[in-house]
Every structure is written in C-alpha cells, then in structure tokens.
Amino acid sequence: MRIESVDFFYLAMPEVTNAADGSQDALLVRVTGGGHIGWGECEAAPLALDRRLGRADVARRVPPGHGFCAGA
C-alpha cells in the first residue's frame, strides 16, 4: 500500500486554564492510501514541545494566557 495523503487536524478547547491544561489540545491525523483511511491521535499541547525545544523556547511560542507561561 502506498500513502497518498496525510492530513492533520488540530483541535483546541476554547478556554485555557491553569488547572490540568495538558488535555485541552489534540492532533488528529488522517492517512489515506490504496482505498483505505486510517486515523490516529497524539498530544498537541505546547507542554509536549518542552522536551524537544526547551522550556524558554516553548514559553515564547505558546499564548501568554496558557498555564505553561505562569512558570516560565
């Protein structure tokens, strides 16, 4: 089977709070090929970027009201 397309759908809750904001963002992935469609999901919260980019860099990329910025 050959992958024909990969589509990303970013989902975010409209209200971001300081409490438990890790599950307010999600990324859905749709892969199509050979007449088949597959779906997957992964964490899309800015906090997940912390491990790759470093805390200071992530703090510059997330919205100022996000709970992550309170500790940056």
PDB file of N, CA and C in Angstrom:
ATOM      1  N   MET A   1       0.836  -1.173   0.000  1.00  0.00           N
ATOM      2  CA  MET A   1       0.000   0.000   0.000  1.00  0.00           C
ATOM      3  C   MET A   1       0.884   1.241   0.000  1.00  0.00           C
ATOM      4  N   ARG A   2       0.503   2.220  -0.768  1.00  0.00           N
ATOM      5  CA  ARG A   2       1.239   3.475  -0.856  1.00  0.00           C
ATOM      6  C   ARG A   2       0.430   4.585  -0.180  1.00  0.00           C
ATOM      7  N   ILE A   3       1.084   5.378   0.650  1.00  0.00           N
ATOM      8  CA  ILE A   3       0.408   6.500   1.308  1.00  0.00           C
ATOM      9  C   ILE A   3       0.175   7.595   0.276  1.00  0.00           C
ATOM     10  N   GLU A   4      -1.065   8.002   0.138  1.00  0.00           N
ATOM     11  CA  GLU A   4      -1.436   9.031  -0.832  1.00  0.00           C
ATOM     12  C   GLU A   4      -1.551  10.412  -0.199  1.00  0.00           C
ATOM     13  N   SER A   5      -2.004  10.458   1.046  1.00  0.00           N
ATOM     14  CA  SER A   5      -2.113  11.761   1.714  1.00  0.00           C
ATOM     15  C   SER A   5      -2.087  11.595   3.225  1.00  0.00           C
ATOM     16  N   VAL A   6      -1.614  12.638   3.878  1.00  0.00           N
ATOM     17  CA  VAL A   6      -1.617  12.725   5.338  1.00  0.00           C
ATOM     18  C   VAL A   6      -2.181  14.097   5.683  1.00  0.00           C
ATOM     19  N   ASP A   7      -3.255  14.107   6.467  1.00  0.00           N
ATOM     20  CA  ASP A   7      -3.906  15.358   6.852  1.00  0.00           C
ATOM     21  C   ASP A   7      -3.883  15.499   8.367  1.00  0.00           C
ATOM     22  N   PHE A   8      -3.657  16.710   8.833  1.00  0.00           N
ATOM     23  CA  PHE A   8      -3.586  17.000  10.256  1.00  0.00           C
ATOM     24  C   PHE A   8      -4.736  17.912  10.647  1.00  0.00           C
ATOM     25  N   PHE A   9      -5.368  17.604  11.774  1.00  0.00           N
ATOM     26  CA  PHE A   9      -6.477  18.399  12.289  1.00  0.00           C
ATOM     27  C   PHE A   9      -6.170  18.756  13.740  1.00  0.00           C
ATOM     28  N   TYR A  10      -5.871  20.025  13.982  1.00  0.00           N
ATOM     29  CA  TYR A  10      -5.551  20.491  15.330  1.00  0.00           C
ATOM     30  C   TYR A  10      -6.844  20.889  16.029  1.00  0.00           C
ATOM     31  N   LEU A  11      -7.076  20.332  17.208  1.00  0.00           N
ATOM     32  CA  LEU A  11      -8.263  20.640  18.000  1.00  0.00           C
ATOM     33  C   LEU A  11      -7.834  21.278  19.306  1.00  0.00           C
ATOM     34  N   ALA A  12      -8.500  22.356  19.676  1.00  0.00           N
ATOM     35  CA  ALA A  12      -8.167  23.044  20.926  1.00  0.00           C
ATOM     36  C   ALA A  12      -9.446  23.469  21.628  1.00  0.00           C
ATOM     37  N   MET A  13      -9.451  23.345  22.932  1.00  0.00           N
ATOM     38  CA  MET A  13     -10.564  23.846  23.727  1.00  0.00           C
ATOM     39  C   MET A  13     -10.508  25.368  23.702  1.00  0.00           C
ATOM     40  N   PRO A  14     -11.649  26.035  23.641  1.00  0.00           N
ATOM     41  CA  PRO A  14     -11.632  27.498  23.574  1.00  0.00           C
ATOM     42  C   PRO A  14     -11.142  28.170  24.853  1.00  0.00           C
ATOM     43  N   GLU A  15     -11.293  27.527  25.994  1.00  0.00           N
ATOM     44  CA  GLU A  15     -10.868  28.127  27.257  1.00  0.00           C
ATOM     45  C   GLU A  15      -9.642  27.396  27.790  1.00  0.00           C
ATOM     46  N   VAL A  16      -8.591  28.123  28.080  1.00  0.00           N
ATOM     47  CA  VAL A  16      -7.374  27.542  28.634  1.00  0.00           C
ATOM     48  C   VAL A  16      -7.250  28.012  30.074  1.00  0.00           C
ATOM     49  N   THR A  17      -7.088  27.063  30.992  1.00  0.00           N
ATOM     50  CA  THR A  17      -6.953  27.408  32.406  1.00  0.00           C
ATOM     51  C   THR A  17      -5.618  26.919  32.927  1.00  0.00           C
ATOM     52  N   ASN A  18      -5.286  27.328  34.128  1.00  0.00           N
ATOM     53  CA  ASN A  18      -4.042  26.895  34.759  1.00  0.00           C
ATOM     54  C   ASN A  18      -4.138  25.462  35.269  1.00  0.00           C
ATOM     55  N   ALA A  19      -5.343  24.940  35.427  1.00  0.00           N
ATOM     56  CA  ALA A  19      -5.532  23.612  36.005  1.00  0.00           C
ATOM     57  C   ALA A  19      -5.689  22.562  34.906  1.00  0.00           C
ATOM     58  N   ALA A  20      -4.842  21.569  34.913  1.00  0.00           N
ATOM     59  CA  ALA A  20      -4.952  20.393  34.040  1.00  0.00           C
ATOM     60  C   ALA A  20      -5.119  20.771  32.571  1.00  0.00           C
ATOM     61  N   ASP A  21      -4.249  21.631  32.066  1.00  0.00           N
ATOM     62  CA  ASP A  21      -4.389  22.053  30.676  1.00  0.00           C
ATOM     63  C   ASP A  21      -3.712  21.110  29.686  1.00  0.00           C
ATOM     64  N   GLY A  22      -3.177  20.001  30.140  1.00  0.00           N
ATOM     65  CA  GLY A  22      -2.482  19.089  29.243  1.00  0.00           C
ATOM     66  C   GLY A  22      -3.383  18.386  28.248  1.00  0.00           C
ATOM     67  N   SER A  23      -4.680  18.301  28.530  1.00  0.00           N
ATOM     68  CA  SER A  23      -5.578  17.589  27.624  1.00  0.00           C
ATOM     69  C   SER A  23      -6.491  18.525  26.846  1.00  0.00           C
ATOM     70  N   GLN A  24      -6.193  19.804  26.814  1.00  0.00           N
ATOM     71  CA  GLN A  24      -7.045  20.748  26.102  1.00  0.00           C
ATOM     72  C   GLN A  24      -6.718  20.820  24.614  1.00  0.00           C
ATOM     73  N   ASP A  25      -5.628  20.267  24.184  1.00  0.00           N
ATOM     74  CA  ASP A  25      -5.235  20.282  22.781  1.00  0.00           C
ATOM     75  C   ASP A  25      -5.059  18.845  22.292  1.00  0.00           C
ATOM     76  N   ALA A  26      -5.427  18.602  21.038  1.00  0.00           N
ATOM     77  CA  ALA A  26      -5.237  17.278  20.450  1.00  0.00           C
ATOM     78  C   ALA A  26      -4.942  17.445  18.962  1.00  0.00           C
ATOM     79  N   LEU A  27      -4.208  16.507  18.423  1.00  0.00           N
ATOM     80  CA  LEU A  27      -3.917  16.496  16.996  1.00  0.00           C
ATOM     81  C   LEU A  27      -4.434  15.179  16.427  1.00  0.00           C
ATOM     82  N   LEU A  28      -5.359  15.271  15.485  1.00  0.00           N
ATOM     83  CA  LEU A  28      -5.852  14.093  14.781  1.00  0.00           C
ATOM     84  C   LEU A  28      -5.114  13.991  13.457  1.00  0.00           C
ATOM     85  N   VAL A  29      -4.768  12.770  13.075  1.00  0.00           N
ATOM     86  CA  VAL A  29      -4.030  12.533  11.832  1.00  0.00           C
ATOM     87  C   VAL A  29      -4.830  11.543  10.990  1.00  0.00           C
ATOM     88  N   ARG A  30      -5.066  11.912   9.736  1.00  0.00           N
ATOM     89  CA  ARG A  30      -5.761  11.021   8.801  1.00  0.00           C
ATOM     90  C   ARG A  30      -4.779  10.636   7.698  1.00  0.00           C
ATOM     91  N   VAL A  31      -4.614   9.337   7.489  1.00  0.00           N
ATOM     92  CA  VAL A  31      -3.722   8.820   6.444  1.00  0.00           C
ATOM     93  C   VAL A  31      -4.583   8.040   5.456  1.00  0.00           C
ATOM     94  N   THR A  32      -4.434   8.360   4.165  1.00  0.00           N
ATOM     95  CA  THR A  32      -5.199   7.648   3.143  1.00  0.00           C
ATOM     96  C   THR A  32      -4.252   7.017   2.129  1.00  0.00           C
ATOM     97  N   GLY A  33      -4.669   5.881   1.600  1.00  0.00           N
ATOM     98  CA  GLY A  33      -3.882   5.205   0.581  1.00  0.00           C
ATOM     99  C   GLY A  33      -4.500   3.878   0.201  1.00  0.00           C
ATOM    100  N   GLY A  34      -4.460   3.560  -1.068  1.00  0.00           N
ATOM    101  CA  GLY A  34      -4.961   2.271  -1.535  1.00  0.00           C
ATOM    102  C   GLY A  34      -6.424   2.021  -1.219  1.00  0.00           C
ATOM    103  N   GLY A  35      -7.214   3.083  -1.158  1.00  0.00           N
ATOM    104  CA  GLY A  35      -8.631   2.922  -0.840  1.00  0.00           C
ATOM    105  C   GLY A  35      -8.919   2.773   0.640  1.00  0.00           C
ATOM    106  N   HIS A  36      -7.912   2.892   1.475  1.00  0.00           N
ATOM    107  CA  HIS A  36      -8.077   2.771   2.925  1.00  0.00           C
ATOM    108  C   HIS A  36      -7.878   4.128   3.590  1.00  0.00           C
ATOM    109  N   ILE A  37      -8.516   4.308   4.742  1.00  0.00           N
ATOM    110  CA  ILE A  37      -8.350   5.519   5.546  1.00  0.00           C
ATOM    111  C   ILE A  37      -8.033   5.096   6.969  1.00  0.00           C
ATOM    112  N   GLY A  38      -6.984   5.665   7.527  1.00  0.00           N
ATOM    113  CA  GLY A  38      -6.613   5.386   8.909  1.00  0.00           C
ATOM    114  C   GLY A  38      -6.562   6.679   9.711  1.00  0.00           C
ATOM    115  N   TRP A  39      -6.936   6.604  10.970  1.00  0.00           N
ATOM    116  CA  TRP A  39      -6.929   7.767  11.861  1.00  0.00           C
ATOM    117  C   TRP A  39      -6.038   7.490  13.058  1.00  0.00           C
ATOM    118  N   GLY A  40      -5.409   8.532  13.550  1.00  0.00           N
ATOM    119  CA  GLY A  40      -4.609   8.443  14.764  1.00  0.00           C
ATOM    120  C   GLY A  40      -4.712   9.750  15.523  1.00  0.00           C
ATOM    121  N   GLU A  41      -4.219   9.751  16.726  1.00  0.00           N
ATOM    122  CA  GLU A  41      -4.237  10.968  17.525  1.00  0.00           C
ATOM    123  C   GLU A  41      -2.963  11.052  18.347  1.00  0.00           C
ATOM    124  N   CYS A  42      -2.608  12.264  18.729  1.00  0.00           N
ATOM    125  CA  CYS A  42      -1.451  12.446  19.594  1.00  0.00           C
ATOM    126  C   CYS A  42      -1.617  13.727  20.397  1.00  0.00           C
ATOM    127  N   GLU A  43      -0.818  13.866  21.418  1.00  0.00           N
ATOM    128  CA  GLU A  43      -0.815  15.054  22.262  1.00  0.00           C
ATOM    129  C   GLU A  43      -0.344  16.242  21.447  1.00  0.00           C
ATOM    130  N   ALA A  44      -1.067  17.347  21.531  1.00  0.00           N
ATOM    131  CA  ALA A  44      -0.690  18.541  20.782  1.00  0.00           C
ATOM    132  C   ALA A  44      -0.467  19.736  21.690  1.00  0.00           C
ATOM    133  N   ALA A  45      -0.504  19.523  23.000  1.00  0.00           N
ATOM    134  CA  ALA A  45      -0.321  20.629  23.933  1.00  0.00           C
ATOM    135  C   ALA A  45       1.083  21.198  23.812  1.00  0.00           C
ATOM    136  N   PRO A  46       1.238  22.496  23.974  1.00  0.00           N
ATOM    137  CA  PRO A  46       2.579  23.091  23.936  1.00  0.00           C
ATOM    138  C   PRO A  46       3.536  22.472  24.948  1.00  0.00           C
ATOM    139  N   LEU A  47       2.996  21.917  26.033  1.00  0.00           N
ATOM    140  CA  LEU A  47       3.864  21.295  27.035  1.00  0.00           C
ATOM    141  C   LEU A  47       4.647  20.122  26.458  1.00  0.00           C
ATOM    142  N   ALA A  48       4.085  19.449  25.460  1.00  0.00           N
ATOM    143  CA  ALA A  48       4.797  18.326  24.846  1.00  0.00           C
ATOM    144  C   ALA A  48       6.044  18.797  24.115  1.00  0.00           C
ATOM    145  N   LEU A  49       6.066  20.038  23.675  1.00  0.00           N
ATOM    146  CA  LEU A  49       7.242  20.588  22.997  1.00  0.00           C
ATOM    147  C   LEU A  49       8.382  20.865  23.960  1.00  0.00           C
ATOM    148  N   ASP A  50       8.065  20.987  25.235  1.00  0.00           N
ATOM    149  CA  ASP A  50       9.065  21.326  26.250  1.00  0.00           C
ATOM    150  C   ASP A  50      10.268  20.395  26.187  1.00  0.00           C
ATOM    151  N   ARG A  51      10.035  19.117  25.957  1.00  0.00           N
ATOM    152  CA  ARG A  51      11.134  18.142  25.939  1.00  0.00           C
ATOM    153  C   ARG A  51      12.051  18.323  24.743  1.00  0.00           C
ATOM    154  N   ARG A  52      11.527  18.820  23.639  1.00  0.00           N
ATOM    155  CA  ARG A  52      12.337  18.959  22.428  1.00  0.00           C
ATOM    156  C   ARG A  52      12.981  20.323  22.284  1.00  0.00           C
ATOM    157  N   LEU A  53      12.247  21.371  22.617  1.00  0.00           N
ATOM    158  CA  LEU A  53      12.737  22.720  22.353  1.00  0.00           C
ATOM    159  C   LEU A  53      13.361  23.396  23.569  1.00  0.00           C
ATOM    160  N   GLY A  54      13.018  22.946  24.737  1.00  0.00           N
ATOM    161  CA  GLY A  54      13.483  23.618  25.944  1.00  0.00           C
ATOM    162  C   GLY A  54      12.428  24.586  26.449  1.00  0.00           C
ATOM    163  N   ARG A  55      12.355  24.730  27.742  1.00  0.00           N
ATOM    164  CA  ARG A  55      11.289  25.499  28.375  1.00  0.00           C
ATOM    165  C   ARG A  55      11.234  26.947  27.894  1.00  0.00           C
ATOM    166  N   ALA A  56      12.345  27.636  27.784  1.00  0.00           N
ATOM    167  CA  ALA A  56      12.339  29.054  27.402  1.00  0.00           C
ATOM    168  C   ALA A  56      11.796  29.237  25.989  1.00  0.00           C
ATOM    169  N   ASP A  57      12.182  28.363  25.069  1.00  0.00           N
ATOM    170  CA  ASP A  57      11.723  28.477  23.691  1.00  0.00           C
ATOM    171  C   ASP A  57      10.222  28.219  23.593  1.00  0.00           C
ATOM    172  N   VAL A  58       9.733  27.238  24.331  1.00  0.00           N
ATOM    173  CA  VAL A  58       8.302  26.936  24.318  1.00  0.00           C
ATOM    174  C   VAL A  58       7.516  28.104  24.896  1.00  0.00           C
ATOM    175  N   ALA A  59       8.027  28.736  25.936  1.00  0.00           N
ATOM    176  CA  ALA A  59       7.336  29.870  26.560  1.00  0.00           C
ATOM    177  C   ALA A  59       7.139  31.007  25.562  1.00  0.00           C
ATOM    178  N   ARG A  60       8.040  31.149  24.611  1.00  0.00           N
ATOM    179  CA  ARG A  60       7.893  32.196  23.591  1.00  0.00           C
ATOM    180  C   ARG A  60       6.868  31.820  22.525  1.00  0.00           C
ATOM    181  N   ARG A  61       6.558  30.533  22.393  1.00  0.00           N
ATOM    182  CA  ARG A  61       5.682  30.071  21.321  1.00  0.00           C
ATOM    183  C   ARG A  61       4.224  29.882  21.737  1.00  0.00           C
ATOM    184  N   VAL A  62       3.950  29.734  23.023  1.00  0.00           N
ATOM    185  CA  VAL A  62       2.574  29.486  23.461  1.00  0.00           C
ATOM    186  C   VAL A  62       1.876  30.799  23.786  1.00  0.00           C
ATOM    187  N   PRO A  63       0.544  30.822  23.753  1.00  0.00           N
ATOM    188  CA  PRO A  63      -0.182  32.047  24.078  1.00  0.00           C
ATOM    189  C   PRO A  63       0.114  32.502  25.502  1.00  0.00           C
ATOM    190  N   PRO A  64       0.191  33.815  25.745  1.00  0.00           N
ATOM    191  CA  PRO A  64       0.528  34.334  27.076  1.00  0.00           C
ATOM    192  C   PRO A  64      -0.409  33.863  28.176  1.00  0.00           C
ATOM    193  N   GLY A  65      -1.661  33.583  27.882  1.00  0.00           N
ATOM    194  CA  GLY A  65      -2.606  33.158  28.907  1.00  0.00           C
ATOM    195  C   GLY A  65      -2.520  31.686  29.254  1.00  0.00           C
ATOM    196  N   HIS A  66      -1.704  30.928  28.544  1.00  0.00           N
ATOM    197  CA  HIS A  66      -1.595  29.483  28.773  1.00  0.00           C
ATOM    198  C   HIS A  66      -0.931  29.223  30.117  1.00  0.00           C
ATOM    199  N   GLY A  67      -1.391  28.212  30.823  1.00  0.00           N
ATOM    200  CA  GLY A  67      -0.857  27.887  32.137  1.00  0.00           C
ATOM    201  C   GLY A  67       0.634  27.622  32.145  1.00  0.00           C
ATOM    202  N   PHE A  68       1.188  27.180  31.026  1.00  0.00           N
ATOM    203  CA  PHE A  68       2.621  26.905  30.939  1.00  0.00           C
ATOM    204  C   PHE A  68       3.438  28.161  31.203  1.00  0.00           C
ATOM    205  N   CYS A  69       2.935  29.313  30.744  1.00  0.00           N
ATOM    206  CA  CYS A  69       3.690  30.563  30.858  1.00  0.00           C
ATOM    207  C   CYS A  69       3.799  31.051  32.295  1.00  0.00           C
ATOM    208  N   ALA A  70       2.904  30.613  33.152  1.00  0.00           N
ATOM    209  CA  ALA A  70       2.933  31.062  34.542  1.00  0.00           C
ATOM    210  C   ALA A  70       4.228  30.659  35.231  1.00  0.00           C
ATOM    211  N   GLY A  71       4.800  29.512  34.841  1.00  0.00           N
ATOM    212  CA  GLY A  71       6.024  29.045  35.484  1.00  0.00           C
ATOM    213  C   GLY A  71       7.283  29.327  34.698  1.00  0.00           C
ATOM    214  N   ALA A  72       7.164  29.960  33.542  1.00  0.00           N
ATOM    215  CA  ALA A  72       8.332  30.195  32.682  1.00  0.00           C
ATOM    216  C   ALA A  72       9.127  31.401  33.128  1.00  0.00           C
TER     217      ALA A  72
END
